[in-house]
Protein backbone atom coordinates (compact mmCIF):
# COMPACT_ATOMS: atom_id res chain seq x y z
CA ASN A 1 46.41 15.83 50.53
CA THR A 2 46.65 12.10 50.98
CA ASP A 3 43.40 11.37 49.15
CA ALA A 4 44.51 13.26 46.04
CA TYR A 5 47.92 11.55 46.12
CA CYS A 6 46.39 8.10 46.43
CA GLN A 7 43.98 8.76 43.59
CA THR A 8 46.85 10.04 41.44
CA VAL A 9 48.84 6.86 42.14
CA LEU A 10 45.80 4.74 41.28
CA LEU A 11 45.26 6.51 37.96
CA ALA A 12 48.97 6.46 37.14
CA THR A 13 49.06 2.72 37.82
CA GLN A 14 46.21 2.21 35.39
CA LEU A 15 48.13 4.18 32.76
CA LYS A 16 51.62 2.80 33.40
CA GLY A 17 50.88 -0.64 34.78
CA ALA A 18 53.11 -2.58 37.16
CA ASP A 19 55.99 -0.09 36.94
CA LEU A 20 54.50 1.87 39.85
CA LEU A 21 54.50 0.88 43.49
CA THR A 22 51.07 1.13 45.07
CA ILE A 23 49.82 0.97 48.63
CA THR A 24 48.19 -2.11 50.08
CA GLY A 25 44.94 -2.25 52.01
CA GLY A 26 46.99 -2.42 55.21
CA GLN A 27 48.95 0.66 54.26
CA ALA A 28 45.72 2.47 53.39
CA ARG A 29 44.43 1.52 56.84
CA GLU A 30 47.61 2.98 58.39
CA LEU A 31 47.07 6.26 56.53
CA ILE A 32 43.46 6.47 57.69
CA ASP A 33 44.54 5.71 61.27
CA LEU A 34 47.19 8.43 60.98
CA ARG A 35 44.55 10.90 59.80
CA ALA A 36 42.39 9.96 62.81
CA SER A 37 45.33 10.50 65.18
CA LEU A 38 45.66 14.01 63.73
CA GLY A 39 41.98 14.71 64.39
CA MET A 40 40.95 14.37 60.74
CA GLU A 41 37.67 12.55 60.22
CA ASP A 42 37.52 10.02 57.42
CA LYS A 43 34.37 8.32 56.16
CA ARG A 44 36.48 5.23 55.38
CA ALA A 45 37.51 4.71 59.03
CA ASN A 46 35.18 1.70 59.43
CA TRP A 47 35.72 0.21 55.98
CA LYS A 48 37.34 -3.21 55.55
CA GLU A 49 40.77 -3.31 53.93
CA CYS A 50 39.32 -4.80 50.74
CA GLU A 51 36.91 -1.86 50.49
CA LEU A 52 39.75 0.63 50.83
CA CYS A 53 41.46 -0.68 47.70
CA ASP A 54 38.39 -1.29 45.57
CA ASN A 55 36.00 1.64 45.51
CA SER A 56 35.03 4.38 43.11
CA ASP A 57 33.88 6.87 45.73
CA PHE A 58 36.82 9.25 45.30
CA GLN A 59 35.68 12.85 45.36
CA PRO A 60 38.34 15.37 44.30
CA GLY A 61 38.92 18.28 46.63
CA VAL A 62 39.20 20.89 43.90
CA VAL A 63 37.32 21.73 40.75
CA CYS A 64 39.08 23.63 37.97
CA GLN A 65 37.30 26.14 35.81
CA ILE A 66 37.88 26.56 32.10
CA PRO A 67 38.96 30.13 31.26
CA HIS A 68 36.96 32.32 28.91
CA SER A 69 38.36 32.86 25.43
CA ASP A 70 39.85 36.18 26.63
CA GLY A 71 42.16 34.26 29.00
CA LYS A 72 40.35 35.30 32.16
CA PRO A 73 39.01 32.48 34.32
CA ALA A 74 35.26 32.14 34.74
CA GLY A 75 33.82 33.24 38.05
CA THR A 76 36.95 34.85 39.50
CA GLY A 77 36.10 38.49 38.96
CA GLY A 78 38.20 38.79 35.81
CA VAL A 79 41.54 37.94 37.42
CA PRO A 80 43.91 36.90 34.62
CA VAL A 81 45.18 33.33 34.35
CA ASN A 82 48.55 32.65 36.01
CA GLU A 83 50.66 32.02 32.91
CA GLU A 84 53.47 30.27 34.80
CA ALA A 85 51.00 27.80 36.32
CA GLU A 86 49.39 27.30 32.92
CA GLN A 87 52.79 26.49 31.39
CA VAL A 88 53.49 23.92 34.10
CA VAL A 89 50.09 22.29 33.56
CA ARG A 90 50.63 22.24 29.79
CA ALA A 91 54.10 20.69 30.18
CA LEU A 92 52.82 18.01 32.56
CA THR A 93 49.86 17.23 30.33
CA ASP A 94 52.09 16.99 27.25
CA GLU A 95 54.47 14.62 29.08
CA ILE A 96 51.62 12.40 30.27
CA VAL A 97 50.15 12.21 26.77
CA ARG A 98 53.62 11.54 25.30
CA GLN A 99 54.12 8.58 27.64
CA LEU A 100 50.75 7.07 26.80
């Protein structure tokens, strides 16, 4: 979703600096207006542009669980971990750490 993407860009900018293009307050306003036109409510609809770019109220839409030592995720009824997804996450994490 747009919120997760924007937060990812913000965090990546903090890690990588000026090499990344970021959105302006006006562009953030356009995204919020677009969400409204699609019938999606947004608590930031009445915020000023300066508030859109400078806030720490991001709330992620997903929470990941740490698997048990037997490789089965907690709270999922013992369904095994998706190894392909785990490999992708490991590869991405390793690349991010390498670039730091």
